[in-house]
C-alpha atoms as a PDB file:
ATOM      1  CA  MET A   1     140.500 -99.705  62.990  1.00  0.00           C
ATOM      2  CA  THR A   2     143.710-101.119  64.391  1.00  0.00           C
ATOM      3  CA  THR A   3     144.223-104.880  64.206  1.00  0.00           C
ATOM      4  CA  ASN A   4     146.662-104.847  67.125  1.00  0.00           C
ATOM      5  CA  LYS A   5     145.356-106.788  70.121  1.00  0.00           C
ATOM      6  CA  PHE A   6     147.855-105.875  72.869  1.00  0.00           C
ATOM      7  CA  PHE A   7     146.772-102.860  74.905  1.00  0.00           C
ATOM      8  CA  GLY A   8     147.922-100.666  77.742  1.00  0.00           C
ATOM      9  CA  ALA A   9     145.809 -98.474  80.038  1.00  0.00           C
ATOM     10  CA  TRP A  10     147.085 -95.469  82.017  1.00  0.00           C
ATOM     11  CA  PHE A  11     145.037 -94.012  84.879  1.00  0.00           C
ATOM     12  CA  ASP A  12     145.411 -90.987  87.143  1.00  0.00           C
ATOM     13  CA  GLU A  13     143.220 -89.247  89.711  1.00  0.00           C
ATOM     14  CA  SER A  14     142.377 -85.663  90.677  1.00  0.00           C
ATOM     15  CA  GLU A  15     140.650 -84.521  93.849  1.00  0.00           C
ATOM     16  CA  ARG A  16     138.336 -81.493  94.002  1.00  0.00           C
ATOM     17  CA  GLY A  17     136.836 -81.181  97.478  1.00  0.00           C
ATOM     18  CA  ASP A  18     134.022 -83.734  97.768  1.00  0.00           C
ATOM     19  CA  MET A  19     134.784 -85.076  94.285  1.00  0.00           C
ATOM     20  CA  LEU A  20     137.440 -87.497  93.075  1.00  0.00           C
ATOM     21  CA  VAL A  21     137.926 -87.978  89.338  1.00  0.00           C
ATOM     22  CA  VAL A  22     139.692 -91.156  88.207  1.00  0.00           C
ATOM     23  CA  GLY A  23     140.511 -92.168  84.671  1.00  0.00           C
ATOM     24  CA  GLY A  24     142.731 -91.852  81.660  1.00  0.00           C
ATOM     25  CA  PHE A  25     142.899 -93.866  78.463  1.00  0.00           C
ATOM     26  CA  PHE A  26     143.779 -97.138  76.799  1.00  0.00           C
ATOM     27  CA  ALA A  27     145.574 -97.644  73.482  1.00  0.00           C
ATOM     28  CA  PRO A  28     147.421-100.331  71.484  1.00  0.00           C
ATOM     29  CA  LEU A  29     150.908-100.874  72.855  1.00  0.00           C
ATOM     30  CA  THR A  30     152.342-100.559  69.343  1.00  0.00           C
ATOM     31  CA  ASP A  31     151.116 -96.934  69.267  1.00  0.00           C
ATOM     32  CA  ILE A  32     152.921 -95.905  72.443  1.00  0.00           C
ATOM     33  CA  ASP A  33     156.320 -95.206  70.878  1.00  0.00           C
ATOM     34  CA  SER A  34     154.904 -92.668  68.407  1.00  0.00           C
ATOM     35  CA  MET A  35     152.650 -91.192  71.116  1.00  0.00           C
ATOM     36  CA  VAL A  36     155.638 -90.618  73.417  1.00  0.00           C
ATOM     37  CA  LYS A  37     157.568 -88.985  70.559  1.00  0.00           C
ATOM     38  CA  ASP A  38     154.620 -86.676  69.798  1.00  0.00           C
ATOM     39  CA  TRP A  39     154.234 -85.785  73.478  1.00  0.00           C
ATOM     40  CA  ARG A  40     157.900 -84.919  73.860  1.00  0.00           C
ATOM     41  CA  GLN A  41     157.969 -82.899  70.645  1.00  0.00           C
ATOM     42  CA  MET A  42     154.973 -80.947  71.959  1.00  0.00           C
ATOM     43  CA  LYS A  43     156.926 -80.115  75.116  1.00  0.00           C
ATOM     44  CA  GLU A  44     159.961 -78.988  73.159  1.00  0.00           C
ATOM     45  CA  SER A  45     157.808 -76.807  70.871  1.00  0.00           C
ATOM     46  CA  LEU A  46     156.822 -74.830  73.994  1.00  0.00           C
ATOM     47  CA  GLY A  47     160.358 -74.485  75.293  1.00  0.00           C
ATOM     48  CA  LEU A  48     160.192 -77.377  77.748  1.00  0.00           C
ATOM     49  CA  CYS A  49     162.730 -80.115  78.306  1.00  0.00           C
ATOM     50  CA  PRO A  50     161.438 -83.435  76.892  1.00  0.00           C
ATOM     51  CA  TRP A  51     161.690 -84.839  80.434  1.00  0.00           C
ATOM     52  CA  ALA A  52     159.530 -82.047  81.870  1.00  0.00           C
ATOM     53  CA  GLU A  53     156.440 -83.117  83.805  1.00  0.00           C
ATOM     54  CA  VAL A  54     153.284 -81.951  82.033  1.00  0.00           C
ATOM     55  CA  LYS A  55     150.213 -81.543  84.221  1.00  0.00           C
ATOM     56  CA  TRP A  56     146.778 -80.041  83.703  1.00  0.00           C
ATOM     57  CA  LYS A  57     147.444 -77.789  86.689  1.00  0.00           C
ATOM     58  CA  LEU A  58     151.013 -76.607  87.210  1.00  0.00           C
ATOM     59  CA  SER A  59     151.569 -74.916  90.552  1.00  0.00           C
ATOM     60  CA  GLN A  60     153.128 -71.464  90.655  1.00  0.00           C
ATOM     61  CA  HIS A  61     156.511 -72.869  91.654  1.00  0.00           C
ATOM     62  CA  HIS A  62     156.538 -75.996  89.451  1.00  0.00           C
ATOM     63  CA  ASN A  63     159.731 -76.221  87.385  1.00  0.00           C
ATOM     64  CA  ALA A  64     157.813 -76.872  84.169  1.00  0.00           C
ATOM     65  CA  ARG A  65     155.743 -73.730  84.698  1.00  0.00           C
ATOM     66  CA  LYS A  66     158.902 -71.675  85.201  1.00  0.00           C
ATOM     67  CA  GLU A  67     160.403 -73.132  81.997  1.00  0.00           C
ATOM     68  CA  LEU A  68     157.176 -72.455  80.124  1.00  0.00           C
ATOM     69  CA  GLU A  69     156.920 -68.836  81.217  1.00  0.00           C
ATOM     70  CA  LYS A  70     160.617 -68.258  80.560  1.00  0.00           C
ATOM     71  CA  ALA A  71     159.983 -69.362  76.956  1.00  0.00           C
ATOM     72  CA  GLY A  72     157.077 -66.908  76.694  1.00  0.00           C
ATOM     73  CA  HIS A  73     154.229 -69.422  76.914  1.00  0.00           C
ATOM     74  CA  THR A  74     151.316 -69.928  79.298  1.00  0.00           C
ATOM     75  CA  THR A  75     149.820 -72.907  81.101  1.00  0.00           C
ATOM     76  CA  ARG A  76     146.682 -72.500  78.977  1.00  0.00           C
ATOM     77  CA  GLU A  77     148.769 -72.845  75.819  1.00  0.00           C
ATOM     78  CA  LEU A  78     150.271 -76.019  77.273  1.00  0.00           C
ATOM     79  CA  ALA A  79     146.823 -77.435  78.081  1.00  0.00           C
ATOM     80  CA  GLU A  80     145.516 -76.633  74.590  1.00  0.00           C
ATOM     81  CA  ASN A  81     148.553 -78.104  72.869  1.00  0.00           C
ATOM     82  CA  ALA A  82     148.375 -81.221  75.023  1.00  0.00           C
ATOM     83  CA  LEU A  83     144.700 -81.764  74.175  1.00  0.00           C
ATOM     84  CA  ASN A  84     145.370 -81.185  70.478  1.00  0.00           C
ATOM     85  CA  ILE A  85     148.047 -83.884  70.538  1.00  0.00           C
ATOM     86  CA  ILE A  86     145.806 -86.339  72.413  1.00  0.00           C
ATOM     87  CA  THR A  87     142.906 -85.868  70.006  1.00  0.00           C
ATOM     88  CA  LYS A  88     145.052 -86.504  66.925  1.00  0.00           C
ATOM     89  CA  TRP A  89     146.028 -90.011  68.054  1.00  0.00           C
ATOM     90  CA  PRO A  90     143.816 -92.461  66.118  1.00  0.00           C
ATOM     91  CA  HIS A  91     143.450 -95.349  68.578  1.00  0.00           C
ATOM     92  CA  VAL A  92     143.110 -93.703  71.993  1.00  0.00           C
ATOM     93  CA  THR A  93     139.972 -94.442  74.013  1.00  0.00           C
ATOM     94  CA  VAL A  94     139.156 -92.364  77.102  1.00  0.00           C
ATOM     95  CA  LEU A  95     137.619 -93.626  80.349  1.00  0.00           C
ATOM     96  CA  VAL A  96     136.801 -91.248  83.221  1.00  0.00           C
ATOM     97  CA  GLY A  97     134.733 -91.688  86.364  1.00  0.00           C
ATOM     98  CA  VAL A  98     133.561 -89.011  88.783  1.00  0.00           C
ATOM     99  CA  MET A  99     133.171 -90.187  92.381  1.00  0.00           C
ATOM    100  CA  ILE A 100     131.239 -87.752  94.587  1.00  0.00           C
ATOM    101  CA  ASP A 101     131.238 -88.054  98.371  1.00  0.00           C
ATOM    102  CA  VAL A 102     127.604 -87.761  99.488  1.00  0.00           C
ATOM    103  CA  ARG A 103     128.156 -89.113 103.018  1.00  0.00           C
ATOM    104  CA  ARG A 104     126.636 -87.330 105.960  1.00  0.00           C
ATOM    105  CA  GLU A 105     128.551 -85.946 108.909  1.00  0.00           C
ATOM    106  CA  TRP A 106     127.973 -89.004 111.113  1.00  0.00           C
ATOM    107  CA  TRP A 107     130.289 -91.001 108.834  1.00  0.00           C
ATOM    108  CA  ARG A 108     133.208 -89.018 110.202  1.00  0.00           C
ATOM    109  CA  GLN A 109     132.304 -90.155 113.686  1.00  0.00           C
ATOM    110  CA  ILE A 110     132.641 -93.757 112.504  1.00  0.00           C
ATOM    111  CA  LEU A 111     135.686 -93.430 110.247  1.00  0.00           C
ATOM    112  CA  GLY A 112     137.482 -90.399 111.609  1.00  0.00           C
ATOM    113  CA  LYS A 113     139.102 -88.343 108.867  1.00  0.00           C
ATOM    114  CA  THR A 114     137.374 -88.859 105.515  1.00  0.00           C
ATOM    115  CA  SER A 115     137.834 -87.594 101.968  1.00  0.00           C
ATOM    116  CA  SER A 116     136.587 -88.322  98.475  1.00  0.00           C
ATOM    117  CA  ARG A 117     139.811 -90.329  98.038  1.00  0.00           C
ATOM    118  CA  ASP A 118     138.093 -93.049 100.090  1.00  0.00           C
ATOM    119  CA  PHE A 119     136.386 -94.025  96.819  1.00  0.00           C
ATOM    120  CA  TYR A 120     139.472 -94.242  94.596  1.00  0.00           C
ATOM    121  CA  CYS A 121     139.436 -98.038  94.566  1.00  0.00           C
ATOM    122  CA  GLU A 122     135.742 -98.186  93.721  1.00  0.00           C
ATOM    123  CA  GLY A 123     136.351 -95.824  90.805  1.00  0.00           C
ATOM    124  CA  LEU A 124     139.328 -97.920  89.708  1.00  0.00           C
ATOM    125  CA  ARG A 125     137.126-101.026  89.794  1.00  0.00           C
ATOM    126  CA  TYR A 126     134.625 -99.411  87.411  1.00  0.00           C
ATOM    127  CA  LEU A 127     137.455 -98.463  85.038  1.00  0.00           C
ATOM    128  CA  LEU A 128     138.750-102.031  85.164  1.00  0.00           C
ATOM    129  CA  GLN A 129     135.226-103.321  84.546  1.00  0.00           C
ATOM    130  CA  ARG A 130     135.125-101.412  81.264  1.00  0.00           C
ATOM    131  CA  LEU A 131     138.584-102.665  80.302  1.00  0.00           C
ATOM    132  CA  GLY A 132     137.447-106.223  80.965  1.00  0.00           C
ATOM    133  CA  GLU A 133     134.393-105.695  78.769  1.00  0.00           C
ATOM    134  CA  GLU A 134     136.549-104.269  75.991  1.00  0.00           C
ATOM    135  CA  SER A 135     138.950-107.200  76.264  1.00  0.00           C
ATOM    136  CA  ILE A 136     136.101-109.695  75.819  1.00  0.00           C
ATOM    137  CA  GLU A 137     134.208-107.848  73.117  1.00  0.00           C
ATOM    138  CA  MET A 138     137.248-106.925  71.026  1.00  0.00           C
ATOM    139  CA  GLN A 139     139.137-110.178  71.730  1.00  0.00           C
ATOM    140  CA  TRP A 140     142.327-108.660  73.084  1.00  0.00           C
ATOM    141  CA  ASN A 141     145.486-110.750  73.377  1.00  0.00           C
ATOM    142  CA  GLY A 142     146.908-108.841  76.330  1.00  0.00           C
ATOM    143  CA  CYS A 143     146.531-105.819  78.600  1.00  0.00           C
ATOM    144  CA  LEU A 144     148.762-103.949  81.053  1.00  0.00           C
ATOM    145  CA  VAL A 145     147.223-101.461  83.494  1.00  0.00           C
ATOM    146  CA  VAL A 146     149.346 -98.605  84.868  1.00  0.00           C
ATOM    147  CA  CYS A 147     148.209 -96.060  87.444  1.00  0.00           C
ATOM    148  CA  ASP A 148     149.895 -93.061  88.996  1.00  0.00           C
ATOM    149  CA  THR A 149     150.790 -93.618  92.647  1.00  0.00           C
ATOM    150  CA  PRO A 150     147.586 -92.842  94.573  1.00  0.00           C
ATOM    151  CA  SER A 151     147.762 -91.293  98.049  1.00  0.00           C
ATOM    152  CA  LEU A 152     145.571 -93.678 100.011  1.00  0.00           C
ATOM    153  CA  GLY A 153     147.238 -93.323 103.409  1.00  0.00           C
ATOM    154  CA  LYS A 154     148.929 -95.961 105.527  1.00  0.00           C
ATOM    155  CA  GLU A 155     145.990 -97.077 107.643  1.00  0.00           C
ATOM    156  CA  LYS A 156     144.057 -99.939 106.081  1.00  0.00           C
ATOM    157  CA  LYS A 157     140.278 -99.420 105.866  1.00  0.00           C
ATOM    158  CA  CYS A 158     137.727-101.570 104.081  1.00  0.00           C
ATOM    159  CA  LEU A 159     134.031-100.802 104.457  1.00  0.00           C
ATOM    160  CA  GLY A 160     131.691-101.252 101.487  1.00  0.00           C
ATOM    161  CA  ALA A 161     132.918 -99.017  98.667  1.00  0.00           C
ATOM    162  CA  ILE A 162     135.583 -97.494 100.942  1.00  0.00           C
ATOM    163  CA  ARG A 163     139.101 -98.880 100.628  1.00  0.00           C
ATOM    164  CA  ARG A 164     142.181 -97.150 101.986  1.00  0.00           C
ATOM    165  CA  GLY A 165     145.755 -98.123 102.777  1.00  0.00           C
ATOM    166  CA  ALA A 166     149.151 -98.323 101.104  1.00  0.00           C
ATOM    167  CA  THR A 167     148.269-101.459  99.114  1.00  0.00           C
ATOM    168  CA  ALA A 168     144.511-100.932  98.563  1.00  0.00           C
ATOM    169  CA  HIS A 169     144.868-100.312  94.810  1.00  0.00           C
ATOM    170  CA  TYR A 170     146.924-103.482  94.358  1.00  0.00           C
ATOM    171  CA  GLU A 171     144.349-105.432  96.328  1.00  0.00           C
ATOM    172  CA  ILE A 172     141.389-104.232  94.242  1.00  0.00           C
ATOM    173  CA  TYR A 173     143.240-105.279  91.079  1.00  0.00           C
ATOM    174  CA  LYS A 174     144.029-108.662  92.650  1.00  0.00           C
ATOM    175  CA  ARG A 175     140.332-109.066  93.435  1.00  0.00           C
ATOM    176  CA  CYS A 176     139.446-108.322  89.794  1.00  0.00           C
ATOM    177  CA  TYR A 177     142.113-110.765  88.651  1.00  0.00           C
ATOM    178  CA  GLU A 178     140.818-113.576  90.862  1.00  0.00           C
ATOM    179  CA  LEU A 179     137.069-112.900  91.013  1.00  0.00           C
ATOM    180  CA  GLY A 180     136.267-110.422  88.253  1.00  0.00           C
ATOM    181  CA  SER A 181     135.281-106.765  88.356  1.00  0.00           C
ATOM    182  CA  GLY A 182     131.530-107.326  88.109  1.00  0.00           C
ATOM    183  CA  VAL A 183     129.218-106.770  85.147  1.00  0.00           C
ATOM    184  CA  GLY A 184     127.821-103.380  84.258  1.00  0.00           C
ATOM    185  CA  PRO A 185     124.079-102.801  83.720  1.00  0.00           C
ATOM    186  CA  GLY A 186     122.718-104.026  80.403  1.00  0.00           C
ATOM    187  CA  ARG A 187     125.724-106.212  79.593  1.00  0.00           C
ATOM    188  CA  ASN A 188     125.120-109.739  78.346  1.00  0.00           C
ATOM    189  CA  HIS A 189     128.429-111.448  79.097  1.00  0.00           C
ATOM    190  CA  PRO A 190     129.419-113.167  82.370  1.00  0.00           C
ATOM    191  CA  ASN A 191     131.636-111.699  85.070  1.00  0.00           C
ATOM    192  CA  SER A 192     135.065-112.949  83.978  1.00  0.00           C
ATOM    193  CA  PRO A 193     138.063-112.948  86.326  1.00  0.00           C
ATOM    194  CA  PHE A 194     140.992-111.182  84.713  1.00  0.00           C
ATOM    195  CA  SER A 195     142.941-114.433  85.127  1.00  0.00           C
ATOM    196  CA  HIS A 196     140.630-115.838  82.409  1.00  0.00           C
ATOM    197  CA  LEU A 197     141.313-112.800  80.238  1.00  0.00           C
ATOM    198  CA  PRO A 198     144.671-111.711  78.817  1.00  0.00           C
ATOM    199  CA  PHE A 199     145.489-109.289  81.668  1.00  0.00           C
ATOM    200  CA  TYR A 200     148.857-109.014  83.383  1.00  0.00           C
ATOM    201  CA  PRO A 201     148.446-110.403  86.928  1.00  0.00           C
ATOM    202  CA  SER A 202     149.457-107.216  88.737  1.00  0.00           C
ATOM    203  CA  LEU A 203     148.613-103.542  88.618  1.00  0.00           C
ATOM    204  CA  LEU A 204     151.660-101.504  87.596  1.00  0.00           C
ATOM    205  CA  VAL A 205     152.164 -98.302  89.584  1.00  0.00           C
ATOM    206  CA  GLY A 206     154.230 -95.426  88.243  1.00  0.00           C
ATOM    207  CA  ASP A 207     155.027 -91.756  88.769  1.00  0.00           C
ATOM    208  CA  ALA A 208     153.785 -89.126  86.309  1.00  0.00           C
ATOM    209  CA  THR A 209     156.931 -87.092  86.999  1.00  0.00           C
ATOM    210  CA  PHE A 210     158.767 -89.557  84.763  1.00  0.00           C
ATOM    211  CA  ASP A 211     155.977 -91.227  82.769  1.00  0.00           C
ATOM    212  CA  ASP A 212     154.733 -89.442  79.638  1.00  0.00           C
ATOM    213  CA  MET A 213     151.597 -91.570  79.311  1.00  0.00           C
ATOM    214  CA  LEU A 214     150.608 -90.907  82.933  1.00  0.00           C
ATOM    215  CA  GLN A 215     150.996 -87.204  82.111  1.00  0.00           C
ATOM    216  CA  VAL A 216     148.483 -87.731  79.297  1.00  0.00           C
ATOM    217  CA  ALA A 217     146.113 -89.334  81.821  1.00  0.00           C
ATOM    218  CA  ASP A 218     146.632 -86.344  84.159  1.00  0.00           C
ATOM    219  CA  VAL A 219     145.641 -83.881  81.418  1.00  0.00           C
ATOM    220  CA  ILE A 220     142.498 -85.868  80.582  1.00  0.00           C
ATOM    221  CA  VAL A 221     141.433 -86.262  84.206  1.00  0.00           C
ATOM    222  CA  GLY A 222     142.290 -82.668  85.120  1.00  0.00           C
ATOM    223  CA  ALA A 223     140.256 -81.244  82.249  1.00  0.00           C
ATOM    224  CA  VAL A 224     137.230 -83.362  83.163  1.00  0.00           C
ATOM    225  CA  ALA A 225     137.584 -82.525  86.872  1.00  0.00           C
ATOM    226  CA  ASP A 226     137.600 -78.764  86.213  1.00  0.00           C
ATOM    227  CA  TRP A 227     134.646 -79.070  83.826  1.00  0.00           C
ATOM    228  CA  VAL A 228     132.508 -81.053  86.287  1.00  0.00           C
ATOM    229  CA  ALA A 229     133.494 -78.773  89.183  1.00  0.00           C
ATOM    230  CA  SER A 230     132.544 -75.631  87.216  1.00  0.00           C
ATOM    231  CA  VAL A 231     129.181 -77.089  86.158  1.00  0.00           C
ATOM    232  CA  ARG A 232     128.385 -78.178  89.717  1.00  0.00           C
ATOM    233  CA  LYS A 233     129.085 -74.647  90.939  1.00  0.00           C
ATOM    234  CA  GLY A 234     126.876 -73.175  88.218  1.00  0.00           C
ATOM    235  CA  LYS A 235     129.817 -71.309  86.734  1.00  0.00           C
ATOM    236  CA  GLY A 236     129.885 -71.987  83.011  1.00  0.00           C
ATOM    237  CA  ASP A 237     133.333 -71.834  81.440  1.00  0.00           C
ATOM    238  CA  ASP A 238     133.314 -71.741  77.638  1.00  0.00           C
ATOM    239  CA  TRP A 239     137.006 -72.605  77.394  1.00  0.00           C
ATOM    240  CA  LEU A 240     136.578 -75.713  79.560  1.00  0.00           C
ATOM    241  CA  VAL A 241     133.583 -76.787  77.498  1.00  0.00           C
ATOM    242  CA  GLU A 242     135.680 -76.412  74.331  1.00  0.00           C
ATOM    243  CA  CYS A 243     138.371 -78.596  75.921  1.00  0.00           C
ATOM    244  CA  ILE A 244     135.864 -81.330  76.794  1.00  0.00           C
ATOM    245  CA  GLU A 245     134.257 -81.160  73.365  1.00  0.00           C
ATOM    246  CA  LYS A 246     137.672 -82.029  71.924  1.00  0.00           C
ATOM    247  CA  LEU A 247     137.771 -85.137  74.118  1.00  0.00           C
ATOM    248  CA  VAL A 248     134.172 -86.258  73.552  1.00  0.00           C
ATOM    249  CA  PRO A 249     134.892 -88.310  70.382  1.00  0.00           C
ATOM    250  CA  LEU A 250     137.545 -90.271  72.292  1.00  0.00           C
ATOM    251  CA  PHE A 251     135.327 -91.468  75.159  1.00  0.00           C
ATOM    252  CA  ARG A 252     134.349 -95.130  75.060  1.00  0.00           C
ATOM    253  CA  SER A 253     130.794 -95.297  73.752  1.00  0.00           C
ATOM    254  CA  ARG A 254     130.107 -99.000  73.307  1.00  0.00           C
ATOM    255  CA  HIS A 255     127.458 -99.115  76.050  1.00  0.00           C
ATOM    256  CA  GLY A 256     126.633 -95.430  76.571  1.00  0.00           C
ATOM    257  CA  LYS A 257     123.097 -94.132  77.029  1.00  0.00           C
ATOM    258  CA  PRO A 258     123.384 -92.337  74.670  1.00  0.00           C
ATOM    259  CA  ASP A 259     126.895 -92.266  73.266  1.00  0.00           C
ATOM    260  CA  PHE A 260     129.552 -92.184  76.014  1.00  0.00           C
ATOM    261  CA  TRP A 261     127.318 -91.276  78.972  1.00  0.00           C
ATOM    262  CA  GLY A 262     127.503 -94.024  81.582  1.00  0.00           C
ATOM    263  CA  ASP A 263     130.239 -95.838  79.658  1.00  0.00           C
ATOM    264  CA  GLY A 264     133.384 -93.882  78.805  1.00  0.00           C
ATOM    265  CA  PHE A 265     132.189 -91.257  81.288  1.00  0.00           C
ATOM    266  CA  PHE A 266     130.360 -92.210  84.474  1.00  0.00           C
ATOM    267  CA  LEU A 267     129.186 -90.643  87.720  1.00  0.00           C
ATOM    268  CA  TRP A 268     128.897 -92.347  91.110  1.00  0.00           C
ATOM    269  CA  PRO A 269     126.794 -92.766  93.204  1.00  0.00           C
ATOM    270  CA  LYS A 270     123.264 -92.621  91.730  1.00  0.00           C
ATOM    271  CA  LYS A 271     122.307 -89.892  94.206  1.00  0.00           C
ATOM    272  CA  ALA A 272     125.036 -87.605  92.852  1.00  0.00           C
ATOM    273  CA  LYS A 273     124.318 -88.666  89.292  1.00  0.00           C
ATOM    274  CA  ALA A 274     120.743 -87.436  89.504  1.00  0.00           C
ATOM    275  CA  GLU A 275     121.974 -84.038  90.675  1.00  0.00           C
ATOM    276  CA  VAL A 276     124.668 -83.426  88.053  1.00  0.00           C
ATOM    277  CA  TRP A 277     123.979 -85.559  84.966  1.00  0.00           C
ATOM    278  CA  PHE A 278     121.501 -83.233  83.256  1.00  0.00           C
ATOM    279  CA  LYS A 279     123.619 -80.146  83.919  1.00  0.00           C
ATOM    280  CA  LEU A 280     126.722 -81.758  82.416  1.00  0.00           C
ATOM    281  CA  LYS A 281     124.856 -82.867  79.297  1.00  0.00           C
ATOM    282  CA  SER A 282     123.329 -79.430  78.904  1.00  0.00           C
ATOM    283  CA  SER A 283     126.738 -77.748  79.105  1.00  0.00           C
ATOM    284  CA  LEU A 284     127.837 -79.616  75.958  1.00  0.00           C
ATOM    285  CA  THR A 285     124.742 -78.875  73.894  1.00  0.00           C
ATOM    286  CA  LYS A 286     124.631 -75.077  74.054  1.00  0.00           C
END
């Protein structure tokens, strides 16, 4: 186990209809240089420029997809190579949350236009909660949190778990910094404001077009999003299951029931969890 105590976390999000998947990974900051080098070498091995943007899903007209196909490779090859690189890194821990919109139609009459993205900030809070736990339990000396720029609209909305607006993600981090992120079920430590922990006092927001580690987060989140979406539709996909099985050992499993379930991987809300949880577990045990 690494003795380094300074960590960074990189988070992305992916929307699939009524479902928003948020997450990524955390790792020691001293590992990042070698991780970036590995990531860029992986791109070059497939004929891509080291500055190319790697995504789980590359649109038909994306420049990286054109470069890839010109070099005689496929997007599936890219996804497999990306996952192979991620799973070889020794100190990466994965966190992913699936937020499912179970609201009824009358909500739209109250809020107007709605989407699963309404719950991005709530998902981010749960990710931060787990980072806070890790910081306490493993006695970190510092942590930086970076997220890809989320599209949360310009109009500010705040109603229960719903938070929207251009600065909503900054505000939820500020709340965690000042008041804490809350304590998960079964935990025995107090709710600690991030100001009492070694967290940087602001969320850092980047762009995966230029950030290799946010591209890693995109691949993780995209793979999980496609897996959950396929299971929910009752359409088993052996290749997707193989991809997730590669990631399983990386998920945080300190408080899982069992393993990573409910910890490194979580579903929200409970109503959606009851519907999907068993199906997801079953897909990985066939």
